Protein backbone atom coordinates (compact mmCIF):
# COMPACT_ATOMS: atom_id res chain seq x y z
CA UNK A 1 94.62 103.09 90.44
CA UNK A 2 95.83 100.00 88.58
CA UNK A 3 98.73 98.06 90.01
CA UNK A 4 100.61 98.54 86.83
CA UNK A 5 100.27 102.44 86.70
CA UNK A 6 101.32 102.50 90.28
CA UNK A 7 104.31 100.30 89.66
CA UNK A 8 105.26 102.73 86.64
CA UNK A 9 104.84 105.71 88.63
CA UNK A 10 107.11 104.46 91.51
CA UNK A 11 109.64 103.32 88.82
CA UNK A 12 109.66 106.73 87.42
CA UNK A 13 110.51 108.28 90.78
CA UNK A 14 113.15 105.59 91.32
CA UNK A 15 114.69 106.40 87.95
CA UNK A 16 114.67 110.23 88.82
CA UNK A 17 116.67 109.28 92.04
CA UNK A 18 119.39 107.39 89.97
CA UNK A 19 119.69 110.50 87.56
CA UNK A 20 121.45 112.37 90.42
CA UNK A 21 119.91 115.88 90.87
CA UNK A 22 122.01 117.06 93.78
CA UNK A 23 122.55 120.07 95.92
CA UNK A 24 124.61 120.69 98.99
CA UNK A 25 122.99 121.73 102.45
CA UNK A 26 124.84 125.08 101.92
CA UNK A 27 123.25 125.54 98.41
CA UNK A 28 119.80 124.59 99.92
CA UNK A 29 120.24 127.24 102.73
CA UNK A 30 121.62 129.90 100.61
CA UNK A 31 119.75 129.76 97.30
CA UNK A 32 116.24 129.23 95.90
CA UNK A 33 117.31 127.50 92.76
CA UNK A 34 116.23 124.20 94.04
CA UNK A 35 112.64 125.52 94.18
CA UNK A 36 112.62 126.00 90.36
CA UNK A 37 114.37 122.64 89.70
CA UNK A 38 112.16 120.51 91.98
CA UNK A 39 108.93 120.42 90.05
CA UNK A 40 110.96 119.42 86.84
CA UNK A 41 113.31 116.89 88.51
CA UNK A 42 110.70 115.45 90.86
CA UNK A 43 113.39 114.67 93.54
CA UNK A 44 116.69 116.36 94.61
CA UNK A 45 119.28 114.68 96.82
CA UNK A 46 120.68 116.98 99.45
CA UNK A 47 124.15 116.21 100.47
CA UNK A 48 126.32 117.13 103.47
CA UNK A 49 130.06 116.59 103.00
CA UNK A 50 129.42 114.21 100.28
CA UNK A 51 126.97 112.08 102.28
CA UNK A 52 123.25 112.07 101.53
CA UNK A 53 121.67 114.08 104.24
CA UNK A 54 117.99 114.24 102.79
CA UNK A 55 115.82 114.10 99.78
CA UNK A 56 113.62 116.81 98.70
CA UNK A 57 110.50 115.25 96.94
CA UNK A 58 107.85 116.84 94.94
CA UNK A 59 104.18 116.47 96.09
CA UNK A 60 103.43 114.51 92.92
CA UNK A 61 106.45 112.16 93.31
CA UNK A 62 105.70 111.75 97.01
CA UNK A 63 102.13 110.88 96.31
CA UNK A 64 103.25 108.11 93.88
CA UNK A 65 105.48 106.72 96.48
CA UNK A 66 102.72 106.60 99.15
CA UNK A 67 100.34 105.11 96.82
CA UNK A 68 102.65 102.35 95.71
CA UNK A 69 103.64 101.52 99.47
CA UNK A 70 100.00 101.29 100.35
CA UNK A 71 99.35 98.96 97.34
CA UNK A 72 102.25 96.77 98.60
CA UNK A 73 100.94 96.58 102.02
CA UNK A 74 97.58 95.65 100.75
CA UNK A 75 99.14 92.85 98.52
CA UNK A 76 101.25 91.67 101.38
CA UNK A 77 98.09 91.46 103.74
CA UNK A 78 96.08 89.66 101.07
CA UNK A 79 98.73 87.21 100.46
CA UNK A 80 99.23 86.55 104.33
CA UNK A 81 95.28 86.09 104.79
CA UNK A 82 95.33 83.67 101.78
CA UNK A 83 98.10 81.68 103.43
CA UNK A 84 96.38 81.52 106.68
CA UNK A 85 93.07 80.16 105.05
CA UNK A 86 95.10 77.62 103.05
CA UNK A 87 96.92 76.37 105.91
CA UNK A 88 93.69 76.04 107.88
CA UNK A 89 91.37 74.64 105.35
CA UNK A 90 92.08 71.03 106.18
CA UNK A 91 92.45 71.53 109.86
CA UNK A 92 89.71 69.94 111.92
CA UNK A 93 88.27 72.50 114.56
CA UNK A 94 88.47 71.47 118.06
CA UNK A 95 86.09 72.54 121.01
CA UNK A 96 85.58 71.77 124.54
CA UNK A 97 87.89 69.11 126.33
CA UNK A 98 89.68 68.26 122.92
CA UNK A 99 90.74 72.04 122.60
CA UNK A 100 91.93 72.13 126.15
CA UNK A 101 93.96 69.02 125.81
CA UNK A 102 95.48 70.16 122.55
CA UNK A 103 96.34 73.67 124.20
CA UNK A 104 98.03 71.84 127.11
CA UNK A 105 100.02 69.56 124.76
CA UNK A 106 101.31 72.55 122.90
CA UNK A 107 102.35 74.31 125.99
CA UNK A 108 104.14 71.33 127.35
CA UNK A 109 105.86 70.88 123.87
CA UNK A 110 106.87 74.43 123.82
CA UNK A 111 108.23 74.07 127.50
CA UNK A 112 110.36 71.03 126.53
CA UNK A 113 111.70 72.72 123.54
CA UNK A 114 112.65 75.99 125.65
CA UNK A 115 114.21 73.66 128.18
CA UNK A 116 116.29 71.92 125.52
CA UNK A 117 117.51 75.42 124.17
CA UNK A 118 118.33 76.64 127.93
CA UNK A 119 120.03 73.27 128.88
CA UNK A 120 121.95 73.14 125.39
CA UNK A 121 120.56 69.74 124.50
């Protein structure tokens, strides 16, 4: 699905949340009116003593939220990978003794930094 379409579907669900279709826990347990309303409203807030206890989400709206969440995760991962490659593109690869010495230097530096934190310097 296209990113803009996913965004529009998620925004639609968000707008439905702000419209304020609500029922109390008591109404939920005693009646079935919410079952008729859910397909039309897409999302219903369930309240208990004035506080939100849960959300009833239609299958269609839940699928839209899940798809948008997956899309955002993929975009984040793509961005992180791109950042890693950009950071490393000018880096000189080390091997053998040079790599070993760099690792020892990094550990020594980290040890010094941690000692300063512990000692309060």
